[in-house]
């Protein structure tokens, strides 16, 4: 558990999209000063996904290993 008591490190998001839609996202703790990082405090690029057909769903099962500016990072 980190200093802020953030024990929840895994989130699930399901989105139904339209053809040729592309998305990018990144997890933060409310500001760009506290973005997700690797377990060794390294940079994490934007996460991406897209849809090929209408009505297709994408389920993201993401884990945040560490946060910039929190704990040892």
C-alpha atoms as a PDB file:
ATOM      1  CA  UNK A   1       0.000   0.000   0.000  1.00  0.00           C
ATOM      2  CA  UNK A   2       1.384   3.412  -0.877  1.00  0.00           C
ATOM      3  CA  UNK A   3       1.544   6.487   1.424  1.00  0.00           C
ATOM      4  CA  UNK A   4      -1.823   7.812   0.243  1.00  0.00           C
ATOM      5  CA  UNK A   5      -3.558   4.523   1.053  1.00  0.00           C
ATOM      6  CA  UNK A   6      -4.163   3.702  -2.602  1.00  0.00           C
ATOM      7  CA  UNK A   7      -4.616  -0.036  -2.506  1.00  0.00           C
ATOM      8  CA  UNK A   8      -6.744  -0.162  -5.689  1.00  0.00           C
ATOM      9  CA  UNK A   9      -4.293  -0.603  -8.575  1.00  0.00           C
ATOM     10  CA  UNK A  10      -6.453  -2.340 -11.171  1.00  0.00           C
ATOM     11  CA  UNK A  11      -9.374  -0.803 -13.048  1.00  0.00           C
ATOM     12  CA  UNK A  12     -11.683  -2.142 -15.756  1.00  0.00           C
ATOM     13  CA  UNK A  13     -13.288   0.046 -18.421  1.00  0.00           C
ATOM     14  CA  UNK A  14     -15.567  -1.180 -21.213  1.00  0.00           C
ATOM     15  CA  UNK A  15     -16.427   1.099 -24.159  1.00  0.00           C
ATOM     16  CA  UNK A  16     -18.595   0.407 -27.213  1.00  0.00           C
ATOM     17  CA  UNK A  17     -17.236   2.255 -30.208  1.00  0.00           C
ATOM     18  CA  UNK A  18     -17.752   3.257 -33.803  1.00  0.00           C
ATOM     19  CA  UNK A  19     -15.661   2.179 -36.850  1.00  0.00           C
ATOM     20  CA  UNK A  20     -12.193   3.695 -37.184  1.00  0.00           C
ATOM     21  CA  UNK A  21     -12.320   5.347 -33.761  1.00  0.00           C
ATOM     22  CA  UNK A  22      -8.940   5.555 -32.017  1.00  0.00           C
ATOM     23  CA  UNK A  23      -8.389   6.445 -28.385  1.00  0.00           C
ATOM     24  CA  UNK A  24      -5.458   7.282 -26.120  1.00  0.00           C
ATOM     25  CA  UNK A  25      -5.569   7.492 -22.353  1.00  0.00           C
ATOM     26  CA  UNK A  26      -3.393   7.656 -19.262  1.00  0.00           C
ATOM     27  CA  UNK A  27      -4.155   7.314 -15.566  1.00  0.00           C
ATOM     28  CA  UNK A  28      -3.400  10.199 -13.180  1.00  0.00           C
ATOM     29  CA  UNK A  29      -4.111  11.031  -9.567  1.00  0.00           C
ATOM     30  CA  UNK A  30      -5.927  14.164 -10.682  1.00  0.00           C
ATOM     31  CA  UNK A  31      -3.074  16.083 -12.323  1.00  0.00           C
ATOM     32  CA  UNK A  32      -0.207  15.588 -14.763  1.00  0.00           C
ATOM     33  CA  UNK A  33       2.161  15.825 -11.783  1.00  0.00           C
ATOM     34  CA  UNK A  34       1.026  12.393 -10.622  1.00  0.00           C
ATOM     35  CA  UNK A  35       0.832  10.144 -13.685  1.00  0.00           C
ATOM     36  CA  UNK A  36       1.210   6.380 -13.817  1.00  0.00           C
ATOM     37  CA  UNK A  37       4.746   4.972 -13.956  1.00  0.00           C
ATOM     38  CA  UNK A  38       6.414   1.576 -14.244  1.00  0.00           C
ATOM     39  CA  UNK A  39       7.333  -0.304 -11.072  1.00  0.00           C
ATOM     40  CA  UNK A  40      10.871   1.104 -11.442  1.00  0.00           C
ATOM     41  CA  UNK A  41       9.503   4.692 -11.735  1.00  0.00           C
ATOM     42  CA  UNK A  42       9.913   4.818 -15.514  1.00  0.00           C
ATOM     43  CA  UNK A  43       7.811   6.613 -18.129  1.00  0.00           C
ATOM     44  CA  UNK A  44       4.564   4.987 -19.303  1.00  0.00           C
ATOM     45  CA  UNK A  45       3.423   6.020 -22.792  1.00  0.00           C
ATOM     46  CA  UNK A  46      -0.233   6.774 -23.469  1.00  0.00           C
ATOM     47  CA  UNK A  47      -2.323   3.624 -23.630  1.00  0.00           C
ATOM     48  CA  UNK A  48      -4.125   3.146 -26.958  1.00  0.00           C
ATOM     49  CA  UNK A  49      -6.926   1.150 -28.544  1.00  0.00           C
ATOM     50  CA  UNK A  50      -9.270   1.412 -31.517  1.00  0.00           C
ATOM     51  CA  UNK A  51     -12.320  -0.100 -33.178  1.00  0.00           C
ATOM     52  CA  UNK A  52     -12.620  -1.738 -36.599  1.00  0.00           C
ATOM     53  CA  UNK A  53     -16.387  -2.242 -36.717  1.00  0.00           C
ATOM     54  CA  UNK A  54     -19.505  -0.565 -35.303  1.00  0.00           C
ATOM     55  CA  UNK A  55     -20.764  -1.948 -32.016  1.00  0.00           C
ATOM     56  CA  UNK A  56     -17.427  -3.570 -31.178  1.00  0.00           C
ATOM     57  CA  UNK A  57     -16.380  -3.387 -27.545  1.00  0.00           C
ATOM     58  CA  UNK A  58     -12.967  -3.021 -25.978  1.00  0.00           C
ATOM     59  CA  UNK A  59     -12.314  -4.009 -22.416  1.00  0.00           C
ATOM     60  CA  UNK A  60      -9.205  -2.572 -20.823  1.00  0.00           C
ATOM     61  CA  UNK A  61      -7.811  -4.420 -17.833  1.00  0.00           C
ATOM     62  CA  UNK A  62      -5.009  -2.111 -16.768  1.00  0.00           C
ATOM     63  CA  UNK A  63      -2.732  -2.107 -13.763  1.00  0.00           C
ATOM     64  CA  UNK A  64      -0.858   0.948 -12.520  1.00  0.00           C
ATOM     65  CA  UNK A  65       2.450  -0.149 -11.000  1.00  0.00           C
ATOM     66  CA  UNK A  66       3.456   3.194  -9.450  1.00  0.00           C
ATOM     67  CA  UNK A  67       2.633   6.906  -9.415  1.00  0.00           C
ATOM     68  CA  UNK A  68       4.956   9.801 -10.181  1.00  0.00           C
ATOM     69  CA  UNK A  69       5.571  11.866  -7.059  1.00  0.00           C
ATOM     70  CA  UNK A  70       4.175   9.229  -4.686  1.00  0.00           C
ATOM     71  CA  UNK A  71       6.239   6.896  -2.532  1.00  0.00           C
ATOM     72  CA  UNK A  72       9.666   6.152  -3.933  1.00  0.00           C
ATOM     73  CA  UNK A  73       8.867   7.504  -7.420  1.00  0.00           C
END
